[in-house]
Protein backbone atom coordinates (compact mmCIF):
# COMPACT_ATOMS: atom_id res chain seq x y z
CA MET A 1 57.03 50.38 27.53
CA SER A 2 53.46 48.78 26.43
CA ALA A 3 51.07 48.57 29.37
CA ARG A 4 49.26 46.00 27.63
CA PRO A 5 50.34 42.44 27.89
CA PRO A 6 53.01 41.78 25.19
CA LEU A 7 51.37 40.05 22.07
CA HIS A 8 51.89 36.38 21.03
CA LEU A 9 53.32 35.47 17.67
CA ALA A 10 52.77 32.45 15.71
CA VAL A 11 53.43 31.19 11.81
CA ALA A 12 51.61 28.50 9.69
CA LEU A 13 53.85 26.56 7.93
CA ASP A 14 52.58 25.29 4.82
CA GLY A 15 54.53 23.82 1.50
CA THR A 16 56.41 26.33 0.58
CA GLY A 17 54.34 29.40 1.27
CA TRP A 18 50.66 30.42 1.21
CA HIS A 19 50.72 31.86 -2.53
CA PRO A 20 50.55 28.71 -5.08
CA ALA A 21 53.45 30.13 -7.12
CA ALA A 22 55.77 30.21 -4.15
CA TRP A 23 57.28 27.04 -4.71
CA ARG A 24 58.66 28.63 -8.06
CA GLU A 25 60.79 31.54 -5.88
CA PRO A 26 64.53 31.10 -5.90
CA ALA A 27 64.64 30.76 -1.81
CA ALA A 28 61.56 27.93 -1.95
CA ARG A 29 63.73 24.90 -1.88
CA PRO A 30 60.99 22.68 -3.50
CA HIS A 31 63.36 19.95 -4.50
CA ASP A 32 63.41 19.62 -0.22
CA LEU A 33 59.94 20.01 0.65
CA PHE A 34 58.91 16.19 1.60
CA THR A 35 62.63 15.79 3.78
CA ALA A 36 62.78 16.53 7.64
CA ARG A 37 65.79 18.73 7.13
CA TYR A 38 63.39 21.41 5.27
CA TRP A 39 60.75 21.63 8.02
CA ALA A 40 63.54 21.30 11.09
CA ASP A 41 64.99 24.67 9.04
CA LEU A 42 61.75 26.13 8.96
CA VAL A 43 61.32 26.03 12.97
CA ALA A 44 64.48 26.55 13.82
CA GLU A 45 64.09 30.27 12.12
CA ALA A 46 60.63 30.57 13.97
CA GLU A 47 62.51 29.92 17.27
CA ARG A 48 64.90 31.70 16.54
CA GLY A 49 62.89 34.63 16.19
CA LEU A 50 61.12 33.82 19.94
CA LEU A 51 57.93 32.88 17.91
CA ASP A 52 55.37 31.09 20.38
CA PHE A 53 54.77 28.34 18.35
CA VAL A 54 54.40 27.38 14.86
CA THR A 55 51.15 25.33 13.33
CA PHE A 56 51.65 22.57 10.46
CA GLU A 57 48.94 22.56 7.65
CA ASP A 58 47.67 18.85 7.27
CA GLY A 59 44.75 17.35 5.19
CA LEU A 60 43.12 14.07 3.89
CA GLY A 61 43.48 15.13 0.60
CA LEU A 62 45.48 15.92 -2.16
CA GLN A 63 45.39 19.93 -2.31
CA SER A 64 43.53 22.19 -4.30
CA SER A 65 42.79 25.49 -5.94
CA HIS A 66 38.71 24.33 -5.14
CA PRO A 67 37.68 24.38 -1.83
CA THR A 68 35.31 21.31 -2.17
CA GLU A 69 36.67 19.01 -4.41
CA PRO A 70 40.04 17.77 -6.23
CA ASP A 71 41.02 20.07 -9.03
CA ALA A 72 43.58 18.50 -11.73
CA ARG A 73 46.01 21.48 -11.81
CA THR A 74 50.22 20.28 -12.14
CA ASP A 75 51.52 23.90 -11.55
CA GLN A 76 51.02 23.99 -7.83
CA VAL A 77 52.35 22.14 -4.76
CA ARG A 78 50.46 18.70 -4.34
CA GLY A 79 51.55 16.08 -1.68
CA ARG A 80 52.28 16.48 1.88
CA LEU A 81 54.00 14.92 5.28
CA ASP A 82 52.20 13.45 7.82
CA ALA A 83 51.91 16.91 10.50
CA VAL A 84 51.88 15.04 13.67
CA LEU A 85 55.13 13.13 12.68
CA VAL A 86 56.59 16.24 11.48
CA ALA A 87 56.29 17.39 14.77
CA ALA A 88 57.66 15.13 16.27
CA ARG A 89 60.87 14.89 14.32
CA VAL A 90 61.48 18.54 14.75
CA ALA A 91 60.62 18.65 18.12
CA PRO A 92 64.10 17.60 19.71
CA LEU A 93 65.94 19.80 17.44
CA THR A 94 64.21 22.93 19.61
CA ARG A 95 64.29 24.19 22.97
CA HIS A 96 61.34 26.24 23.34
CA ILE A 97 58.88 26.94 20.46
CA GLY A 98 55.63 25.23 20.52
CA LEU A 99 54.52 22.88 18.36
CA VAL A 100 51.11 22.78 17.00
CA PRO A 101 50.18 20.36 13.92
CA THR A 102 46.64 19.55 11.94
CA VAL A 103 44.73 16.87 12.55
CA VAL A 104 41.07 15.94 10.77
CA ALA A 105 38.46 15.63 13.39
CA THR A 106 36.00 14.30 10.41
CA HIS A 107 38.11 10.59 9.89
CA THR A 108 40.39 10.54 12.95
CA GLU A 109 39.76 8.74 15.92
CA PRO A 110 40.03 10.58 18.78
CA PHE A 111 42.07 7.70 20.71
CA HIS A 112 44.34 7.64 17.95
CA ILE A 113 44.82 11.51 18.21
CA SER A 114 44.79 11.50 22.23
CA LYS A 115 47.90 9.31 22.17
CA ALA A 116 49.81 10.88 19.52
CA ILE A 117 49.78 14.21 20.67
CA ALA A 118 50.66 12.78 24.32
CA THR A 119 53.29 11.11 22.29
CA LEU A 120 54.81 14.93 20.28
CA ASP A 121 54.41 16.32 24.50
CA TYR A 122 56.67 13.74 25.76
CA VAL A 123 58.75 13.94 23.00
CA SER A 124 59.01 17.79 23.11
CA ALA A 125 58.92 18.23 26.85
CA GLY A 126 55.77 20.00 27.12
CA ARG A 127 55.42 21.93 23.66
CA ALA A 128 52.29 20.45 22.43
CA GLY A 129 49.47 21.66 20.72
CA LEU A 130 46.75 20.59 17.60
CA ARG A 131 45.13 21.77 15.58
CA VAL A 132 41.53 20.58 14.78
CA ARG A 133 39.79 20.88 11.94
CA VAL A 134 36.53 19.59 10.01
CA THR A 135 36.22 18.22 5.80
CA ALA A 136 32.83 17.72 4.25
CA ARG A 137 35.25 16.87 0.87
CA PRO A 138 33.34 13.79 -0.94
CA ASP A 139 37.02 12.60 -2.16
CA GLU A 140 38.59 13.03 1.44
CA ALA A 141 35.52 10.42 3.13
CA ALA A 142 36.37 8.12 0.01
CA HIS A 143 39.60 7.20 1.32
CA PHE A 144 38.10 5.53 4.56
CA GLY A 145 34.53 4.59 3.08
CA ARG A 146 32.62 4.83 6.47
CA ARG A 147 30.63 7.72 5.78
CA ALA A 148 29.73 9.79 2.95
CA PHE A 149 29.32 13.34 1.64
CA PRO A 150 27.18 14.87 -0.98
CA PRO A 151 28.61 17.37 -3.03
CA LEU A 152 28.88 21.01 -1.58
CA ARG A 153 29.92 23.72 -3.57
CA ALA A 154 30.61 27.02 -1.59
CA GLU A 155 27.11 28.59 -2.36
CA ASP A 156 25.67 25.62 -0.88
CA ARG A 157 26.68 27.05 2.24
CA ASP A 158 23.74 28.20 3.54
CA THR A 159 21.25 26.41 2.26
CA PRO A 160 19.16 24.26 4.79
CA ALA A 161 21.63 21.15 3.85
CA GLY A 162 24.79 23.36 3.98
CA ARG A 163 23.87 24.86 7.38
CA ALA A 164 22.80 20.89 8.73
CA LEU A 165 26.20 19.42 7.75
CA THR A 166 28.18 22.03 9.07
CA ASP A 167 26.69 21.93 12.83
CA GLU A 168 26.95 17.99 11.83
CA LEU A 169 30.88 18.42 11.35
CA PHE A 170 31.62 20.96 14.28
CA GLU A 171 29.43 19.01 16.82
CA GLU A 172 31.47 15.76 15.84
CA ALA A 173 34.77 17.79 16.32
CA ALA A 174 33.31 18.99 19.99
CA ASP A 175 32.47 15.42 21.07
CA HIS A 176 36.38 14.40 19.60
CA ILE A 177 38.18 17.46 21.63
CA GLU A 178 36.17 16.32 24.65
CA VAL A 179 37.33 12.50 24.28
CA VAL A 180 40.93 13.51 23.57
CA ARG A 181 40.80 15.59 26.26
CA ARG A 182 39.41 13.13 28.98
CA LEU A 183 41.92 10.37 27.59
CA TRP A 184 44.63 13.01 28.49
CA ASP A 185 43.22 12.92 32.08
CA SER A 186 42.68 9.00 32.22
CA TRP A 187 45.79 8.66 33.70
CA GLU A 188 46.42 11.03 37.26
CA ASP A 189 49.80 12.32 37.24
CA ASP A 190 51.12 10.05 40.33
CA ALA A 191 50.07 6.59 38.75
CA GLU A 192 53.24 5.19 37.49
CA ILE A 193 54.76 4.20 40.75
CA ARG A 194 58.19 2.25 39.03
CA ASP A 195 59.06 0.73 41.89
CA ILE A 196 61.30 -1.94 41.49
CA ALA A 197 61.84 -3.47 45.03
CA THR A 198 57.96 -3.64 45.54
CA GLY A 199 57.62 -4.81 41.59
CA ARG A 200 54.56 -1.90 40.85
CA PHE A 201 54.80 -0.43 37.59
CA ILE A 202 52.03 1.31 38.09
CA ASP A 203 48.95 2.45 40.52
CA ARG A 204 45.76 0.60 38.33
CA ASP A 205 43.71 2.60 40.53
CA LYS A 206 45.22 5.96 38.68
CA LEU A 207 43.86 4.60 35.70
CA HIS A 208 40.44 5.61 34.59
CA TYR A 209 37.79 4.61 32.17
CA ILE A 210 36.17 7.63 30.54
CA ASP A 211 32.91 5.97 29.59
CA PHE A 212 31.98 8.43 26.69
CA GLN A 213 28.66 7.24 25.18
CA GLY A 214 27.53 10.51 22.47
CA ARG A 215 26.57 10.30 18.80
CA HIS A 216 29.70 9.99 17.36
CA PHE A 217 32.07 8.29 19.58
CA SER A 218 31.67 5.67 22.27
CA VAL A 219 35.18 5.33 23.90
CA ARG A 220 35.47 3.73 27.40
CA GLY A 221 39.53 4.42 27.81
CA PRO A 222 41.60 4.72 30.04
CA SER A 223 44.78 5.76 27.52
CA ILE A 224 47.82 3.36 26.70
CA THR A 225 49.81 6.96 27.03
CA PRO A 226 50.36 8.26 30.52
CA ARG A 227 48.91 12.07 31.06
CA PRO A 228 51.17 14.62 28.84
CA PRO A 229 53.80 16.67 30.67
CA GLN A 230 51.47 19.82 29.99
CA GLY A 231 48.22 17.35 31.64
CA GLN A 232 46.28 19.21 28.93
CA PRO A 233 48.49 20.27 25.65
CA LEU A 234 47.16 23.16 23.67
CA VAL A 235 43.58 22.34 21.74
CA SER A 236 43.36 25.36 18.55
CA ALA A 237 40.84 25.55 15.89
CA LEU A 238 40.60 27.96 13.01
CA ALA A 239 37.00 29.64 12.52
CA HIS A 240 35.43 31.90 10.16
CA ASP A 241 31.75 31.88 11.17
CA SER A 242 29.22 31.65 14.24
CA VAL A 243 28.81 27.60 14.25
CA PRO A 244 32.93 27.10 14.31
CA TYR A 245 33.12 30.27 16.89
CA ARG A 246 30.87 28.08 19.48
CA LEU A 247 33.34 24.93 18.86
CA VAL A 248 36.00 27.35 20.35
CA GLY A 249 34.20 28.83 23.18
CA ARG A 250 33.36 25.82 24.16
CA SER A 251 36.29 23.67 23.68
CA ALA A 252 39.50 25.30 22.28
CA ASP A 253 42.49 27.14 24.00
CA ILE A 254 43.16 29.19 20.99
CA GLY A 255 40.83 30.24 18.05
CA TYR A 256 42.16 31.73 14.48
CA VAL A 257 39.81 34.26 13.42
CA THR A 258 40.14 35.96 9.69
CA PRO A 259 38.99 39.72 10.55
CA ARG A 260 38.27 42.02 7.39
CA ASP A 261 39.39 45.27 10.00
CA THR A 262 39.00 46.45 13.32
CA GLY A 263 35.37 46.10 13.83
CA HIS A 264 34.90 43.03 12.34
CA ALA A 265 37.66 41.77 14.65
CA ARG A 266 35.91 43.32 17.93
CA ALA A 267 32.34 41.43 16.94
CA VAL A 268 34.07 38.25 16.27
CA VAL A 269 35.98 38.20 19.74
CA ALA A 270 32.89 39.27 21.40
CA GLU A 271 31.08 36.28 19.86
CA ILE A 272 33.82 33.98 20.77
CA ARG A 273 33.27 35.17 24.65
CA ALA A 274 29.84 35.60 24.55
CA ALA A 275 29.80 31.36 23.27
CA GLN A 276 32.96 30.82 26.17
CA ALA A 277 30.40 31.97 28.74
CA ALA A 278 27.56 30.21 27.93
CA ALA A 279 29.88 26.55 28.09
CA GLY A 280 30.67 27.76 31.82
CA ARG A 281 33.90 28.83 30.42
CA ALA A 282 33.81 32.99 31.25
CA GLY A 283 36.81 32.31 33.94
CA GLU A 284 38.97 31.05 31.84
CA ARG A 285 42.11 31.99 29.54
CA LEU A 286 41.05 31.60 25.93
CA HIS A 287 43.26 33.22 23.34
CA VAL A 288 42.20 34.62 20.01
CA PHE A 289 44.80 35.03 17.64
CA GLY A 290 44.17 36.95 14.03
CA ASP A 291 45.23 34.98 10.77
CA LEU A 292 46.71 37.21 8.32
CA VAL A 293 48.97 36.14 5.22
CA VAL A 294 51.84 38.27 4.74
CA PHE A 295 54.33 39.46 2.11
CA LEU A 296 57.16 41.73 3.50
CA ASP A 297 60.02 43.91 2.26
CA ASP A 298 61.77 46.88 3.16
CA ALA A 299 59.73 49.08 0.96
CA ALA A 300 56.04 48.53 0.23
CA ALA A 301 56.27 48.78 -3.77
CA GLN A 302 58.50 45.85 -3.42
CA ALA A 303 56.40 43.60 -1.54
CA GLU A 304 53.31 44.55 -3.81
CA ASP A 305 55.40 43.94 -6.70
CA ARG A 306 56.35 40.62 -5.65
CA LYS A 307 53.42 39.19 -5.03
CA ALA A 308 52.24 40.29 -8.29
CA ARG A 309 54.90 38.88 -9.79
CA LEU A 310 53.73 35.16 -7.92
CA ASP A 311 50.28 36.43 -9.19
CA GLY A 312 51.11 36.61 -12.79
CA LEU A 313 53.06 32.90 -12.28
CA ALA A 314 49.98 31.77 -10.49
CA GLY A 315 47.90 33.02 -13.57
CA HIS A 316 45.21 34.79 -11.07
CA PRO A 317 45.49 36.75 -7.94
CA CYS A 318 46.32 35.37 -4.35
CA THR A 319 42.92 35.78 -2.25
CA SER A 320 42.62 34.11 0.91
CA ASP A 321 40.14 33.69 3.81
CA ALA A 322 42.21 35.71 5.60
CA GLU A 323 43.61 39.21 5.08
CA VAL A 324 45.97 39.45 2.60
CA PHE A 325 48.85 42.24 3.79
CA THR A 326 51.85 43.58 1.24
CA GLY A 327 54.06 45.87 2.99
CA THR A 328 57.04 46.60 5.65
CA PRO A 329 57.66 44.88 8.68
CA ARG A 330 56.82 48.49 10.35
CA GLN A 331 53.96 48.95 8.89
CA LEU A 332 52.65 45.57 9.62
CA ALA A 333 53.65 46.00 13.43
CA GLU A 334 51.48 48.70 12.85
CA ARG A 335 48.51 46.57 11.82
CA LEU A 336 49.26 44.00 14.22
CA LEU A 337 49.02 46.54 17.14
CA GLU A 338 45.47 48.50 15.72
CA LEU A 339 43.99 44.87 15.49
CA ARG A 340 44.84 44.07 19.05
CA GLN A 341 42.80 46.93 20.25
CA ALA A 342 39.86 44.79 19.18
CA GLY A 343 40.65 42.10 22.04
CA LEU A 344 43.02 39.75 19.75
CA SER A 345 45.92 38.57 21.72
CA GLY A 346 48.02 37.43 19.24
CA PHE A 347 48.38 36.79 15.40
CA ARG A 348 49.03 33.91 13.51
CA LEU A 349 51.33 34.72 10.71
CA ARG A 350 50.97 32.45 7.65
CA PRO A 351 54.35 33.74 4.78
CA GLY A 352 53.24 34.05 1.15
CA ALA A 353 56.42 32.91 0.29
CA ILE A 354 57.87 31.20 3.26
CA GLY A 355 61.77 31.31 2.03
CA HIS A 356 61.23 35.06 1.60
CA ASP A 357 58.79 36.13 4.36
CA LEU A 358 59.69 33.65 7.17
CA GLU A 359 62.94 35.05 7.83
CA ARG A 360 61.50 39.12 7.18
CA ILE A 361 59.03 38.03 10.31
CA THR A 362 61.51 36.53 12.50
CA ARG A 363 64.23 39.20 11.63
CA ASP A 364 62.74 42.42 11.13
CA LEU A 365 58.72 42.03 12.48
CA VAL A 366 60.23 40.84 15.80
CA PRO A 367 62.68 43.46 16.41
CA GLU A 368 59.98 46.13 15.47
CA LEU A 369 57.64 45.22 18.06
CA GLN A 370 60.46 44.58 20.46
CA SER A 371 61.34 48.09 19.87
CA ARG A 372 57.77 49.11 20.84
CA GLY A 373 57.67 47.00 23.53
CA ALA A 374 54.91 44.53 22.45
CA PHE A 375 57.04 41.31 22.05
CA ARG A 376 59.47 39.26 23.88
CA HIS A 377 63.19 39.28 24.27
CA ALA A 378 63.47 35.73 25.24
CA TYR A 379 61.22 33.03 26.20
CA GLU A 380 59.99 33.06 29.60
CA ALA A 381 58.66 29.54 30.19
CA ASP A 382 59.71 25.96 29.19
CA THR A 383 56.35 24.59 27.61
CA LEU A 384 53.89 26.10 25.39
CA ARG A 385 51.14 26.47 27.91
CA GLY A 386 53.84 28.59 30.19
CA LEU A 387 54.23 30.27 27.04
CA LEU A 388 50.80 31.35 26.37
CA GLY A 389 49.78 32.00 30.27
CA LEU A 390 48.31 29.21 30.73
CA ALA A 391 48.22 27.18 34.04
CA ARG A 392 48.57 23.48 33.99
CA PRO A 393 45.04 22.33 34.72
CA ALA A 394 44.08 19.74 37.58
CA ASN A 395 43.39 16.43 36.69
CA ARG A 396 39.16 15.89 36.23
CA TYR A 397 39.46 12.12 37.68
CA SER A 398 42.17 12.91 40.92
CA PRO A 399 40.03 12.60 44.15
CA LYS A 400 40.97 16.00 45.05
CA LEU A 401 39.47 18.12 42.11
CA SER A 402 36.24 15.39 41.94
CA ALA A 403 35.61 16.21 45.71
CA SER A 404 36.18 19.95 45.15
CA LEU A 405 33.68 19.82 42.14
CA GLU A 406 30.80 17.74 44.03
CA GLN A 407 31.41 20.57 46.66
CA GLY A 408 30.47 23.46 44.20
CA ALA A 409 34.15 24.74 43.64
CA PRO A 410 34.78 25.47 40.11
CA PRO A 411 37.75 24.07 38.86
CA SER A 412 39.88 26.81 38.30
CA ALA A 413 39.94 27.22 42.25
CA VAL A 414 41.62 23.76 42.78
């Protein structure tokens, strides 16, 4: 048995897989892509493998092979269902696995997101989270008409204008998360009385104005949805560089990172931990997950050949912001355990072709990790926070917490 804590594992669900030609695979089910049953089947398979959670990709514009603008391709999957609504539909069909839809903070009001994710937490009985994204695509901004972004090429990101825009978007995302978190706390846990004899349904004194005033948002509150079952559903974000690393350290419960190797992973974890400490959160548990795109088969050559065949259908090699792994489940287990040495507590795997690679994760990789004492044999908690070893936080507006903070006690001590 490994002396280290077991790994946490998640899968990132996006269309038919992370390879742009995955929809042309025999097991891809492209005709089912916009049905509830398709997504329910994927999440049921992930739960069969005892995974901690799944994430659902989403965006405010059509998928594109170009990072900053739409393309004209018709040979790749285009179109999505709403991630939050998919998660809510799947929730009653599952019992243990966490459900983490993507939300775009740049154009979505935090009040709407707070009640949507709180509702998902109720529907799932405490298994909700969210993945926060930002976007600078002009075509997405044009859907809303409230702001405009200049065209920004990938090579422009390291210019003064590109850096300023990045700083602004992530500062806005941090405020977005703060408003969402305050709204989740705006009802105390016992605000609902539901006393038929006295006719009192709620205790109005236990609903709180959050009175958030910032550069990007001005929100009074309270929420219209009672405090979620987890108190605070999980907040996560993908991070590739110092600015998003600071967002993870300041505001998230989970950060997804894309290390090139073990040394790079160690440096990324150190930077996030420094940002966490600078934000006054050094005593809190913050998970850092490594992201990998995976193609898995019984032999490494099979996986490489399958990827090469898909590359040929797409007309170009599959590349990614994350490491693209081709090999056997045993080799992937060894790779994950190697990367764990750098301080990663888990991994979010992106199946290259979901119809094939998701089952190789749940039915081959998981047993391989279990045989090494590196993964659970049964779900040990009923909530997503519980699966990740995170306590249910006290409500910031409760008199007990407020009094303790005034006396200088850290929130974790309450």
